[in-house]
C-alpha cells in the first residue's frame, strides 16, 4: 500500500469521525433542549402551585385577595401591600413562563393554559387599577402581551412570537 493510499484512507476515516461527532452533538443538543424545557415547565408549574397554595392555606391572604380584586381602595395600607405583593408575584411567574416560551426554552402550551386565569384576574377592577399604577417591574414585551391579551374588544388575534420565528395564538 502506497503512502498516498494510506493518506486517503486516513482522511476518509477522519471525515467519517467528524460526521459521526456532528451527529452525536446533534442528539446531545436535542436531549439537552428537551431537558431544559422540562425543567422550565416544572419550575413554572411549581411557582404557580406556590401562589395557589398561598391562597388555599391562608384564609387571611384569600380574604385580602378577594377584597382587593373587587375594591382595592377599601383595603387598609397593610392589606393593600399584601394584595399588591400577591398580584406582583403571580404576574412575575406569568412573565417567566412567557419569556421562557418566547426564548424557546419553555413550553408555549403552559402559557396558553394560564391565559384564561390571567384574563379572569384582569377582569377585576383592583387588578386593573394595580396594573395601571405599576408600569415598572415587567419587561415591555410582557406588558404588551398582557395589554393585547386583556384588551376588552378584539381587533384581531394576538400572537406570542416564539423562537425560530414561530408564533402561537394568544387568547384563542
N, C-alpha and C. Protein backbone atom coordinates (compact mmCIF):
# COMPACT_ATOMS: atom_id res chain seq x y z
N UNK A 1 0.86 -1.16 0.00
CA UNK A 1 0.00 0.00 0.00
C UNK A 1 0.91 1.23 0.00
N UNK A 2 0.59 2.13 -0.89
CA UNK A 2 1.42 3.33 -1.04
C UNK A 2 1.05 4.36 0.02
N UNK A 3 1.97 5.26 0.21
CA UNK A 3 1.78 6.31 1.21
C UNK A 3 0.57 7.17 0.88
N UNK A 4 0.31 7.45 -0.39
CA UNK A 4 -0.85 8.26 -0.79
C UNK A 4 -2.15 7.54 -0.48
N UNK A 5 -2.17 6.22 -0.67
CA UNK A 5 -3.38 5.45 -0.36
C UNK A 5 -3.65 5.47 1.15
N UNK A 6 -2.61 5.34 1.94
CA UNK A 6 -2.75 5.39 3.40
C UNK A 6 -3.26 6.77 3.81
N UNK A 7 -2.76 7.81 3.19
CA UNK A 7 -3.19 9.17 3.48
C UNK A 7 -4.67 9.36 3.14
N UNK A 8 -5.09 8.85 1.97
CA UNK A 8 -6.51 8.98 1.57
C UNK A 8 -7.42 8.22 2.52
N UNK A 9 -7.00 7.03 2.93
CA UNK A 9 -7.82 6.24 3.86
C UNK A 9 -7.93 6.96 5.21
N UNK A 10 -6.83 7.52 5.68
CA UNK A 10 -6.88 8.23 6.97
C UNK A 10 -7.73 9.48 6.87
N UNK A 11 -7.71 10.17 5.71
CA UNK A 11 -8.56 11.34 5.52
C UNK A 11 -10.04 10.94 5.52
N UNK A 12 -10.37 9.82 4.86
CA UNK A 12 -11.76 9.34 4.85
C UNK A 12 -12.21 8.97 6.26
N UNK A 13 -11.33 8.27 6.99
CA UNK A 13 -11.69 7.91 8.37
C UNK A 13 -11.85 9.15 9.23
N UNK A 14 -11.00 10.14 9.04
CA UNK A 14 -11.11 11.40 9.79
C UNK A 14 -12.41 12.12 9.46
N UNK A 15 -12.77 12.14 8.17
CA UNK A 15 -14.03 12.77 7.75
C UNK A 15 -15.22 12.05 8.36
N UNK A 16 -15.17 10.72 8.34
CA UNK A 16 -16.26 9.92 8.92
C UNK A 16 -16.37 10.19 10.42
N UNK A 17 -15.24 10.34 11.09
CA UNK A 17 -15.25 10.63 12.53
C UNK A 17 -15.87 12.00 12.80
N UNK A 18 -15.58 12.98 11.95
CA UNK A 18 -16.17 14.31 12.12
C UNK A 18 -17.67 14.24 11.93
N UNK A 19 -18.14 13.54 10.90
CA UNK A 19 -19.59 13.40 10.65
C UNK A 19 -20.25 12.69 11.84
N UNK A 20 -19.62 11.63 12.33
CA UNK A 20 -20.18 10.90 13.48
C UNK A 20 -20.25 11.82 14.71
N UNK A 21 -19.22 12.63 14.90
CA UNK A 21 -19.21 13.56 16.03
C UNK A 21 -20.33 14.58 15.91
N UNK A 22 -20.56 15.09 14.72
CA UNK A 22 -21.64 16.06 14.50
C UNK A 22 -23.01 15.43 14.76
N UNK A 23 -23.18 14.20 14.34
CA UNK A 23 -24.45 13.50 14.60
C UNK A 23 -24.64 13.33 16.11
N UNK A 24 -23.58 12.95 16.81
CA UNK A 24 -23.65 12.79 18.26
C UNK A 24 -24.00 14.12 18.93
N UNK A 25 -23.35 15.21 18.52
CA UNK A 25 -23.62 16.53 19.08
C UNK A 25 -25.08 16.92 18.84
N UNK A 26 -25.59 16.63 17.65
CA UNK A 26 -26.99 16.93 17.33
C UNK A 26 -27.94 16.23 18.31
N UNK A 27 -27.70 14.95 18.57
CA UNK A 27 -28.55 14.23 19.51
C UNK A 27 -28.40 14.77 20.93
N UNK A 28 -27.21 15.15 21.31
CA UNK A 28 -26.99 15.72 22.64
C UNK A 28 -27.73 17.05 22.79
N UNK A 29 -27.69 17.88 21.77
CA UNK A 29 -28.38 19.18 21.81
C UNK A 29 -29.88 18.96 21.93
N UNK A 30 -30.42 18.03 21.15
CA UNK A 30 -31.86 17.73 21.26
C UNK A 30 -32.22 17.27 22.66
N UNK A 31 -31.41 16.37 23.19
CA UNK A 31 -31.68 15.86 24.53
C UNK A 31 -31.61 17.00 25.56
N UNK A 32 -30.60 17.84 25.47
CA UNK A 32 -30.46 18.95 26.41
C UNK A 32 -31.59 19.95 26.28
N UNK A 33 -32.05 20.20 25.06
CA UNK A 33 -33.18 21.11 24.84
C UNK A 33 -34.43 20.57 25.50
N UNK A 34 -34.69 19.27 25.34
CA UNK A 34 -35.85 18.66 25.98
C UNK A 34 -35.74 18.73 27.50
N UNK A 35 -34.54 18.48 28.00
CA UNK A 35 -34.34 18.53 29.45
C UNK A 35 -34.54 19.96 29.97
N UNK A 36 -34.06 20.94 29.23
CA UNK A 36 -34.22 22.34 29.63
C UNK A 36 -35.69 22.72 29.64
N UNK A 37 -36.41 22.33 28.61
CA UNK A 37 -37.85 22.65 28.54
C UNK A 37 -38.61 21.96 29.67
N UNK A 38 -38.25 20.73 29.96
CA UNK A 38 -38.91 20.02 31.06
C UNK A 38 -38.64 20.71 32.39
N UNK A 39 -37.40 21.11 32.61
CA UNK A 39 -37.06 21.81 33.85
C UNK A 39 -37.78 23.15 33.93
N UNK A 40 -37.88 23.85 32.82
CA UNK A 40 -38.60 25.12 32.77
C UNK A 40 -40.07 24.92 33.11
N UNK A 41 -40.68 23.91 32.51
CA UNK A 41 -42.09 23.61 32.77
C UNK A 41 -42.30 23.29 34.25
N UNK A 42 -41.41 22.49 34.79
CA UNK A 42 -41.52 22.11 36.20
C UNK A 42 -41.39 23.34 37.11
N UNK A 43 -40.43 24.21 36.80
CA UNK A 43 -40.21 25.40 37.63
C UNK A 43 -41.42 26.33 37.61
N UNK A 44 -42.00 26.53 36.43
CA UNK A 44 -43.17 27.40 36.31
C UNK A 44 -44.36 26.77 37.02
N UNK A 45 -44.57 25.48 36.82
CA UNK A 45 -45.67 24.79 37.50
C UNK A 45 -45.52 24.88 39.01
N UNK A 46 -44.32 24.69 39.48
CA UNK A 46 -44.05 24.77 40.92
C UNK A 46 -44.33 26.18 41.45
N UNK A 47 -43.92 27.20 40.70
CA UNK A 47 -44.16 28.58 41.12
C UNK A 47 -45.66 28.90 41.15
N UNK A 48 -46.40 28.45 40.14
CA UNK A 48 -47.85 28.67 40.12
C UNK A 48 -48.51 27.93 41.28
N UNK A 49 -48.04 26.72 41.56
CA UNK A 49 -48.59 25.96 42.69
C UNK A 49 -48.33 26.67 44.02
N UNK A 50 -47.17 27.29 44.17
CA UNK A 50 -46.88 28.02 45.41
C UNK A 50 -47.85 29.19 45.60
N UNK A 51 -48.16 29.90 44.51
CA UNK A 51 -49.12 31.01 44.60
C UNK A 51 -50.50 30.46 44.96
N UNK A 52 -50.91 29.39 44.29
CA UNK A 52 -52.22 28.79 44.58
C UNK A 52 -52.30 28.28 46.01
N UNK A 53 -51.23 27.66 46.49
CA UNK A 53 -51.23 27.16 47.86
C UNK A 53 -51.24 28.29 48.88
N UNK A 54 -50.67 29.42 48.53
CA UNK A 54 -50.73 30.59 49.41
C UNK A 54 -52.19 30.93 49.69
N UNK A 55 -53.01 30.97 48.64
CA UNK A 55 -54.44 31.26 48.82
C UNK A 55 -55.14 30.12 49.56
N UNK A 56 -54.82 28.89 49.20
CA UNK A 56 -55.52 27.75 49.79
C UNK A 56 -55.20 27.57 51.27
N UNK A 57 -54.00 27.89 51.68
CA UNK A 57 -53.58 27.63 53.06
C UNK A 57 -53.79 28.81 54.00
N UNK A 58 -54.02 29.99 53.46
CA UNK A 58 -54.07 31.17 54.32
C UNK A 58 -55.36 31.94 54.03
N UNK A 59 -56.33 31.78 54.91
CA UNK A 59 -57.63 32.42 54.69
C UNK A 59 -57.53 33.94 54.70
N UNK A 60 -56.60 34.49 55.46
CA UNK A 60 -56.42 35.94 55.50
C UNK A 60 -55.93 36.47 54.14
N UNK A 61 -54.97 35.77 53.54
CA UNK A 61 -54.50 36.16 52.20
C UNK A 61 -55.63 36.04 51.19
N UNK A 62 -56.41 34.98 51.32
CA UNK A 62 -57.54 34.79 50.40
C UNK A 62 -58.55 35.92 50.56
N UNK A 63 -58.86 36.28 51.80
CA UNK A 63 -59.80 37.38 52.03
C UNK A 63 -59.27 38.68 51.43
N UNK A 64 -57.99 38.97 51.66
CA UNK A 64 -57.39 40.18 51.11
C UNK A 64 -57.41 40.15 49.58
N UNK A 65 -57.09 39.00 49.03
CA UNK A 65 -57.08 38.85 47.56
C UNK A 65 -58.47 39.13 46.98
N UNK A 66 -59.47 38.50 47.53
CA UNK A 66 -60.83 38.68 47.00
C UNK A 66 -61.33 40.10 47.22
N UNK A 67 -61.04 40.67 48.39
CA UNK A 67 -61.44 42.06 48.65
C UNK A 67 -60.71 43.02 47.72
N UNK A 68 -59.43 42.81 47.54
CA UNK A 68 -58.64 43.69 46.68
C UNK A 68 -59.06 43.61 45.22
N UNK A 69 -59.47 42.43 44.80
CA UNK A 69 -59.92 42.30 43.40
C UNK A 69 -61.16 43.14 43.16
N UNK A 70 -62.05 43.17 44.15
CA UNK A 70 -63.29 43.92 43.93
C UNK A 70 -63.15 45.40 44.26
N UNK A 71 -62.38 45.74 45.32
CA UNK A 71 -62.23 47.16 45.69
C UNK A 71 -60.89 47.35 46.41
N UNK A 72 -59.86 47.51 45.67
CA UNK A 72 -58.50 47.65 46.22
C UNK A 72 -58.38 48.85 47.14
N UNK A 73 -59.11 49.92 46.85
CA UNK A 73 -59.03 51.14 47.66
C UNK A 73 -59.64 50.96 49.05
N UNK A 74 -60.48 49.94 49.22
CA UNK A 74 -61.11 49.71 50.52
C UNK A 74 -60.17 48.97 51.48
N UNK A 75 -59.05 48.49 50.98
CA UNK A 75 -58.10 47.77 51.83
C UNK A 75 -57.32 48.74 52.71
N UNK A 76 -56.90 48.25 53.88
CA UNK A 76 -56.00 49.05 54.72
C UNK A 76 -54.65 49.13 54.00
N UNK A 77 -53.78 50.04 54.41
CA UNK A 77 -52.46 50.10 53.77
C UNK A 77 -51.70 48.76 53.82
N UNK A 78 -51.76 48.08 54.96
CA UNK A 78 -51.08 46.79 55.07
C UNK A 78 -51.72 45.75 54.15
N UNK A 79 -53.04 45.69 54.11
CA UNK A 79 -53.73 44.74 53.23
C UNK A 79 -53.44 45.05 51.77
N UNK A 80 -53.41 46.34 51.45
CA UNK A 80 -53.13 46.73 50.07
C UNK A 80 -51.73 46.29 49.67
N UNK A 81 -50.77 46.44 50.57
CA UNK A 81 -49.41 46.00 50.30
C UNK A 81 -49.38 44.49 50.06
N UNK A 82 -50.11 43.74 50.86
CA UNK A 82 -50.16 42.29 50.70
C UNK A 82 -50.85 41.90 49.39
N UNK A 83 -51.93 42.59 49.06
CA UNK A 83 -52.61 42.35 47.78
C UNK A 83 -51.67 42.65 46.62
N UNK A 84 -51.04 43.82 46.67
CA UNK A 84 -50.13 44.23 45.60
C UNK A 84 -48.98 43.23 45.44
N UNK A 85 -48.43 42.76 46.55
CA UNK A 85 -47.33 41.80 46.50
C UNK A 85 -47.78 40.47 45.90
N UNK A 86 -48.99 40.07 46.21
CA UNK A 86 -49.51 38.80 45.68
C UNK A 86 -49.73 38.89 44.18
N UNK A 87 -50.32 39.97 43.72
CA UNK A 87 -50.54 40.10 42.26
C UNK A 87 -49.20 40.23 41.54
N UNK A 88 -48.26 40.94 42.16
CA UNK A 88 -46.92 41.06 41.56
C UNK A 88 -46.26 39.69 41.45
N UNK A 89 -46.35 38.88 42.49
CA UNK A 89 -45.74 37.54 42.48
C UNK A 89 -46.37 36.68 41.39
N UNK A 90 -47.70 36.69 41.31
CA UNK A 90 -48.40 35.90 40.29
C UNK A 90 -47.98 36.34 38.88
N UNK A 91 -47.94 37.64 38.65
CA UNK A 91 -47.60 38.12 37.31
C UNK A 91 -46.12 37.92 36.97
N UNK A 92 -45.26 37.90 37.98
CA UNK A 92 -43.85 37.59 37.69
C UNK A 92 -43.70 36.13 37.26
N UNK A 93 -44.48 35.23 37.84
CA UNK A 93 -44.48 33.84 37.38
C UNK A 93 -44.97 33.79 35.93
N UNK A 94 -46.04 34.52 35.64
CA UNK A 94 -46.57 34.55 34.28
C UNK A 94 -45.55 35.12 33.30
N UNK A 95 -44.83 36.16 33.74
CA UNK A 95 -43.80 36.74 32.87
C UNK A 95 -42.67 35.74 32.62
N UNK A 96 -42.29 34.99 33.65
CA UNK A 96 -41.23 33.98 33.48
C UNK A 96 -41.64 32.94 32.46
N UNK A 97 -42.88 32.44 32.55
CA UNK A 97 -43.28 31.42 31.59
C UNK A 97 -43.42 32.01 30.18
N UNK A 98 -43.88 33.25 30.08
CA UNK A 98 -43.97 33.92 28.78
C UNK A 98 -42.57 34.09 28.17
N UNK A 99 -41.63 34.56 28.96
CA UNK A 99 -40.27 34.80 28.47
C UNK A 99 -39.60 33.50 28.07
N UNK A 100 -39.76 32.45 28.87
CA UNK A 100 -39.16 31.17 28.54
C UNK A 100 -39.72 30.62 27.23
N UNK A 101 -41.03 30.76 27.03
CA UNK A 101 -41.63 30.31 25.77
C UNK A 101 -41.13 31.14 24.60
N UNK A 102 -41.01 32.44 24.82
CA UNK A 102 -40.53 33.34 23.78
C UNK A 102 -39.09 33.02 23.37
N UNK A 103 -38.27 32.61 24.32
CA UNK A 103 -36.88 32.28 24.05
C UNK A 103 -36.71 30.86 23.50
N UNK A 104 -37.79 30.09 23.48
CA UNK A 104 -37.70 28.71 23.00
C UNK A 104 -37.25 27.74 24.08
N UNK A 105 -37.10 28.21 25.30
CA UNK A 105 -36.66 27.35 26.39
C UNK A 105 -37.83 26.82 27.20
N UNK A 106 -39.02 27.36 26.97
CA UNK A 106 -40.19 26.95 27.73
C UNK A 106 -41.29 26.41 26.84
N UNK A 107 -42.34 26.00 27.47
CA UNK A 107 -43.47 25.37 26.80
C UNK A 107 -44.55 26.42 26.54
N UNK A 108 -44.82 26.69 25.27
CA UNK A 108 -45.85 27.66 24.91
C UNK A 108 -47.23 27.18 25.39
N UNK A 109 -47.39 25.87 25.51
CA UNK A 109 -48.66 25.32 25.96
C UNK A 109 -49.02 25.75 27.36
N UNK A 110 -48.04 25.87 28.23
CA UNK A 110 -48.33 26.28 29.61
C UNK A 110 -48.74 27.76 29.64
N UNK A 111 -48.19 28.56 28.72
CA UNK A 111 -48.60 29.96 28.62
C UNK A 111 -50.06 30.02 28.21
N UNK A 112 -50.40 29.29 27.17
CA UNK A 112 -51.79 29.28 26.69
C UNK A 112 -52.73 28.74 27.77
N UNK A 113 -52.28 27.76 28.52
CA UNK A 113 -53.12 27.18 29.57
C UNK A 113 -53.43 28.19 30.67
N UNK A 114 -52.51 29.11 30.94
CA UNK A 114 -52.70 30.09 32.01
C UNK A 114 -53.43 31.34 31.53
N UNK A 115 -53.62 31.50 30.22
CA UNK A 115 -54.22 32.73 29.70
C UNK A 115 -55.62 32.99 30.23
N UNK A 116 -56.43 31.96 30.39
CA UNK A 116 -57.77 32.18 30.95
C UNK A 116 -57.68 32.69 32.38
N UNK A 117 -56.71 32.18 33.15
CA UNK A 117 -56.51 32.67 34.50
C UNK A 117 -56.09 34.14 34.51
N UNK A 118 -55.18 34.49 33.60
CA UNK A 118 -54.74 35.89 33.51
C UNK A 118 -55.92 36.78 33.15
N UNK A 119 -56.69 36.37 32.17
CA UNK A 119 -57.86 37.17 31.76
C UNK A 119 -58.84 37.34 32.91
N UNK A 120 -59.08 36.26 33.65
CA UNK A 120 -60.01 36.32 34.77
C UNK A 120 -59.52 37.28 35.83
N UNK A 121 -58.24 37.23 36.14
CA UNK A 121 -57.67 38.14 37.13
C UNK A 121 -57.82 39.59 36.67
N UNK A 122 -57.61 39.84 35.38
CA UNK A 122 -57.69 41.21 34.87
C UNK A 122 -59.12 41.69 34.66
N UNK A 123 -60.10 40.83 34.87
CA UNK A 123 -61.49 41.29 34.84
C UNK A 123 -61.81 42.12 36.08
N UNK A 124 -61.01 41.94 37.13
CA UNK A 124 -61.29 42.65 38.37
C UNK A 124 -60.76 44.08 38.31
N UNK A 125 -61.52 44.97 38.90
CA UNK A 125 -61.15 46.39 38.94
C UNK A 125 -59.86 46.60 39.72
N UNK A 126 -59.69 45.85 40.82
CA UNK A 126 -58.50 46.03 41.65
C UNK A 126 -57.20 45.69 40.92
N UNK A 127 -57.22 44.62 40.15
CA UNK A 127 -56.01 44.22 39.41
C UNK A 127 -55.73 45.21 38.28
N UNK A 128 -56.76 45.64 37.58
CA UNK A 128 -56.55 46.63 36.51
C UNK A 128 -56.00 47.94 37.08
N UNK A 129 -56.51 48.34 38.24
CA UNK A 129 -56.00 49.54 38.91
C UNK A 129 -54.53 49.37 39.28
N UNK A 130 -54.20 48.20 39.87
CA UNK A 130 -52.80 47.94 40.23
C UNK A 130 -51.90 47.97 39.00
N UNK A 131 -52.33 47.34 37.92
CA UNK A 131 -51.54 47.26 36.68
C UNK A 131 -51.25 48.67 36.15
N UNK A 132 -52.26 49.53 36.19
CA UNK A 132 -52.08 50.90 35.70
C UNK A 132 -51.11 51.69 36.57
N UNK A 133 -51.10 51.41 37.87
CA UNK A 133 -50.23 52.13 38.81
C UNK A 133 -48.81 51.58 38.85
N UNK A 134 -48.57 50.43 38.26
CA UNK A 134 -47.28 49.77 38.37
C UNK A 134 -46.66 49.47 37.00
N UNK A 135 -46.23 50.51 36.30
CA UNK A 135 -45.67 50.28 34.97
C UNK A 135 -44.24 49.73 35.01
N UNK A 136 -43.67 49.63 36.18
CA UNK A 136 -42.30 49.15 36.32
C UNK A 136 -42.31 47.67 36.70
N UNK A 137 -41.17 47.06 36.60
CA UNK A 137 -41.02 45.69 37.11
C UNK A 137 -41.34 44.59 36.12
N UNK A 138 -41.83 44.93 34.94
CA UNK A 138 -42.12 43.92 33.93
C UNK A 138 -41.53 44.38 32.61
N UNK A 139 -41.11 43.44 31.80
CA UNK A 139 -40.50 43.79 30.52
C UNK A 139 -41.54 44.41 29.58
N UNK A 140 -41.11 45.26 28.68
CA UNK A 140 -42.04 45.84 27.70
C UNK A 140 -42.77 44.77 26.88
N UNK A 141 -42.07 43.70 26.54
CA UNK A 141 -42.70 42.62 25.76
C UNK A 141 -43.85 41.97 26.55
N UNK A 142 -43.62 41.72 27.83
CA UNK A 142 -44.66 41.11 28.66
C UNK A 142 -45.82 42.08 28.87
N UNK A 143 -45.53 43.35 29.11
CA UNK A 143 -46.60 44.34 29.27
C UNK A 143 -47.46 44.40 28.00
N UNK A 144 -46.81 44.40 26.84
CA UNK A 144 -47.56 44.41 25.57
C UNK A 144 -48.42 43.16 25.42
N UNK A 145 -47.86 42.02 25.80
CA UNK A 145 -48.60 40.76 25.75
C UNK A 145 -49.85 40.84 26.63
N UNK A 146 -49.70 41.33 27.86
CA UNK A 146 -50.84 41.45 28.77
C UNK A 146 -51.87 42.43 28.21
N UNK A 147 -51.40 43.53 27.68
CA UNK A 147 -52.33 44.52 27.11
C UNK A 147 -53.13 43.91 25.96
N UNK A 148 -52.46 43.16 25.09
CA UNK A 148 -53.16 42.52 23.97
C UNK A 148 -54.12 41.44 24.47
N UNK A 149 -53.65 40.66 25.44
CA UNK A 149 -54.45 39.54 25.95
C UNK A 149 -55.71 40.01 26.66
N UNK A 150 -55.62 41.12 27.38
CA UNK A 150 -56.72 41.53 28.24
C UNK A 150 -57.54 42.69 27.70
N UNK A 151 -57.20 43.17 26.51
CA UNK A 151 -58.00 44.29 26.00
C UNK A 151 -59.41 43.81 25.73
N UNK A 152 -60.40 44.65 26.06
CA UNK A 152 -61.79 44.21 26.05
C UNK A 152 -62.34 43.87 24.67
N UNK A 153 -61.98 44.61 23.67
CA UNK A 153 -62.54 44.36 22.34
C UNK A 153 -61.43 43.87 21.42
N UNK A 154 -61.62 42.69 20.87
CA UNK A 154 -60.60 42.13 19.98
C UNK A 154 -60.69 42.79 18.62
N UNK A 155 -59.55 43.24 18.14
CA UNK A 155 -59.49 43.79 16.79
C UNK A 155 -58.77 42.82 15.88
N UNK A 156 -58.33 41.73 16.41
CA UNK A 156 -57.61 40.70 15.67
C UNK A 156 -56.88 39.83 16.66
N UNK A 157 -56.49 38.66 16.23
CA UNK A 157 -55.84 37.72 17.14
C UNK A 157 -54.41 38.16 17.42
N UNK A 158 -54.05 38.15 18.67
CA UNK A 158 -52.67 38.44 19.08
C UNK A 158 -51.88 37.14 19.02
N UNK A 159 -50.59 37.24 18.92
CA UNK A 159 -49.73 36.05 18.87
C UNK A 159 -48.50 36.27 19.73
N UNK A 160 -48.06 35.19 20.36
CA UNK A 160 -46.78 35.20 21.04
C UNK A 160 -45.75 34.89 19.96
N UNK A 161 -44.72 35.70 19.88
CA UNK A 161 -43.64 35.41 18.96
C UNK A 161 -42.67 34.50 19.68
N UNK A 162 -42.50 33.31 19.13
CA UNK A 162 -41.62 32.34 19.76
C UNK A 162 -40.28 32.30 19.05
N UNK A 163 -39.37 31.53 19.60
CA UNK A 163 -38.07 31.35 18.98
C UNK A 163 -38.25 30.73 17.59
N UNK A 164 -37.30 30.89 16.76
CA UNK A 164 -37.26 30.34 15.40
C UNK A 164 -38.39 30.91 14.55
N UNK A 165 -38.89 32.08 14.89
CA UNK A 165 -39.89 32.74 14.05
C UNK A 165 -41.28 32.16 14.16
N UNK A 166 -41.49 31.15 15.00
CA UNK A 166 -42.82 30.57 15.15
C UNK A 166 -43.69 31.53 15.96
N UNK A 167 -44.99 31.43 15.77
CA UNK A 167 -45.92 32.19 16.59
C UNK A 167 -46.97 31.25 17.13
N UNK A 168 -47.56 31.64 18.23
CA UNK A 168 -48.65 30.88 18.82
C UNK A 168 -49.76 31.85 19.15
N UNK A 169 -51.01 31.47 18.89
CA UNK A 169 -52.11 32.39 19.15
C UNK A 169 -52.24 32.73 20.62
N UNK A 170 -52.59 33.95 20.89
CA UNK A 170 -52.80 34.42 22.25
C UNK A 170 -54.29 34.65 22.43
N UNK A 171 -54.84 34.11 23.47
CA UNK A 171 -56.23 34.39 23.82
C UNK A 171 -57.24 33.68 22.96
N UNK A 172 -56.86 32.63 22.31
CA UNK A 172 -57.84 31.88 21.50
C UNK A 172 -58.15 30.56 22.11
